Protein backbone atom coordinates (compact mmCIF):
# COMPACT_ATOMS: atom_id res chain seq x y z
CA MET A 1 10.88 -8.31 13.01
CA PRO A 2 7.37 -6.88 12.54
CA ASN A 3 6.78 -4.06 10.09
CA PRO A 4 7.18 -0.70 11.89
CA PHE A 5 5.17 2.47 11.46
CA ALA A 6 7.41 4.63 9.28
CA HIS A 7 5.53 7.85 8.48
CA LEU A 8 2.50 9.85 9.57
CA GLU A 9 0.81 12.27 7.20
CA LEU A 10 -1.93 14.83 7.82
CA ASN A 11 -4.31 15.39 4.91
CA THR A 12 -6.05 18.74 5.33
CA ASP A 13 -7.82 21.58 3.51
CA ASP A 14 -5.90 24.27 5.41
CA LEU A 15 -2.15 23.77 5.62
CA THR A 16 -1.60 27.20 7.14
CA ARG A 17 -3.90 26.52 10.10
CA ALA A 18 -2.56 22.98 10.56
CA ARG A 19 1.04 24.19 10.48
CA LYS A 20 0.30 26.93 13.03
CA PHE A 21 -1.71 24.62 15.34
CA TYR A 22 0.73 21.69 15.46
CA GLY A 23 3.79 23.93 15.44
CA SER A 24 2.45 25.73 18.51
CA LEU A 25 1.12 22.63 20.25
CA PHE A 26 4.16 20.38 19.87
CA LYS A 27 6.92 22.87 18.91
CA TRP A 28 7.32 21.06 15.58
CA LYS A 29 9.44 22.65 12.87
CA VAL A 30 7.31 22.43 9.72
CA ALA A 31 8.63 23.46 6.29
CA PRO A 32 7.86 22.72 2.62
CA TYR A 33 9.75 19.94 0.90
CA PRO A 34 11.93 21.42 -1.87
CA GLY A 35 9.78 22.02 -4.94
CA SER A 36 6.56 21.01 -3.12
CA PRO A 37 4.86 24.01 -1.48
CA ASP A 38 1.77 21.91 -0.67
CA TYR A 39 3.73 19.12 1.06
CA LEU A 40 5.20 20.15 4.40
CA GLY A 41 7.75 18.04 6.23
CA ILE A 42 7.72 17.84 10.01
CA ASP A 43 11.20 17.84 11.52
CA LEU A 44 10.94 15.43 14.45
CA GLY A 45 14.66 15.18 15.04
CA LYS A 46 16.20 11.73 15.21
CA THR A 47 13.02 9.71 15.71
CA ALA A 48 12.36 6.55 13.71
CA THR A 49 9.08 7.87 12.33
CA SER A 50 8.81 10.82 9.96
CA GLY A 51 5.87 13.16 9.49
CA ALA A 52 4.33 15.50 6.94
CA MET A 53 1.26 17.57 6.13
CA GLN A 54 -0.34 17.93 2.72
CA ARG A 55 -3.38 19.31 0.99
CA LYS A 56 -6.01 16.61 0.62
CA PRO A 57 -5.44 14.71 -2.63
CA MET A 58 -9.22 14.53 -3.24
CA PRO A 59 -11.77 17.13 -2.03
CA GLU A 60 -14.05 14.41 -0.64
CA ALA A 61 -11.25 12.86 1.42
CA PRO A 62 -11.56 13.40 5.17
CA THR A 63 -9.22 15.62 7.12
CA ALA A 64 -7.26 12.98 9.01
CA TRP A 65 -3.86 11.62 9.93
CA LEU A 66 -2.77 8.67 7.76
CA PRO A 67 -0.12 6.34 9.19
CA TYR A 68 2.22 4.42 6.87
CA VAL A 69 3.75 1.03 7.68
CA GLU A 70 7.12 0.12 6.20
CA VAL A 71 7.03 -2.93 3.93
CA ASP A 72 9.48 -4.67 1.62
CA ASP A 73 7.22 -4.55 -1.45
CA VAL A 74 4.25 -2.19 -1.89
CA LYS A 75 2.69 -4.11 -4.78
CA LYS A 76 2.78 -7.46 -2.96
CA THR A 77 1.43 -5.95 0.27
CA ILE A 78 -1.42 -4.16 -1.52
CA ALA A 79 -2.30 -7.39 -3.38
CA LYS A 80 -2.36 -9.31 -0.08
CA ALA A 81 -4.49 -6.60 1.58
CA LYS A 82 -6.97 -6.82 -1.32
CA LYS A 83 -7.10 -10.61 -1.02
CA LEU A 84 -7.85 -10.20 2.71
CA GLY A 85 -10.79 -7.88 1.98
CA ALA A 86 -9.31 -4.37 1.84
CA THR A 87 -10.49 -1.69 -0.58
CA ILE A 88 -7.54 -0.29 -2.49
CA VAL A 89 -7.31 3.50 -2.66
CA LEU A 90 -3.84 3.84 -4.20
CA GLU A 91 -2.41 0.66 -5.63
CA PHE A 92 1.13 1.91 -6.16
CA GLN A 93 2.86 5.25 -6.51
CA ASP A 94 6.56 5.68 -7.12
CA ILE A 95 7.80 8.65 -5.08
CA GLY A 96 11.28 8.79 -6.60
CA ASP A 97 14.22 8.91 -4.21
CA MET A 98 11.83 8.41 -1.27
CA GLY A 99 10.58 4.98 -2.43
CA ALA A 100 6.98 3.95 -3.18
CA ILE A 101 3.61 4.05 -1.44
CA GLY A 102 0.17 2.47 -1.55
CA VAL A 103 -3.02 3.12 0.45
CA PHE A 104 -5.96 0.90 1.38
CA VAL A 105 -9.03 0.87 3.61
CA ASP A 106 -9.23 -2.23 5.78
CA PRO A 107 -12.45 -4.32 6.06
CA GLN A 108 -13.43 -2.34 9.20
CA GLY A 109 -13.11 1.03 7.42
CA ALA A 110 -9.72 2.26 8.66
CA SER A 111 -7.27 3.79 6.18
CA LEU A 112 -3.61 2.77 6.17
CA GLY A 113 -0.68 3.52 3.91
CA VAL A 114 2.28 1.28 3.13
CA TRP A 115 5.73 2.53 2.20
CA ALA A 116 8.83 0.82 0.81
CA LYS A 117 12.32 2.26 0.70
CA PRO A 118 13.66 3.00 -2.77
CA VAL A 119 15.15 0.04 -4.57
CA LYS A 120 18.90 0.39 -4.88
CA ARG A 121 19.97 -0.56 -8.34
CA LYS A 122 23.40 -2.03 -8.92
CA LYS A 123 25.60 -0.09 -11.29
CA SER A 124 26.44 -1.90 -14.46
CA PRO A 125 30.18 -2.49 -14.94
CA LEU A 126 29.63 -1.16 -18.49
CA SER A 127 28.15 2.18 -17.32
CA GLY A 128 31.57 3.74 -16.67
């Protein structure tokens, strides 16, 4: 099966305006993730793709939507993208219980993120 789009994320300077605009336009329920006032989750119900809004991670970054594709291994996918001519923006970032991400710009100039589910570790029989 091909890798599906798994997440869409808006990077913006003005979360308040973005939240108001998209909430009104599409009737989205938008709320901060627990402990992250600058990262807003978009409740899309039971769709396969999730969404969020965040303050731009770098001031020079454009205001834009960034799609993420689900992959098995972020590090391997980023390495393959680099070999194929991509510019790597974020090589690897562990995002705890949500998995890991990476971001690159393809040879044509389009940005794309990759996301992998968290690795489930087997419990040791000795860890009672």
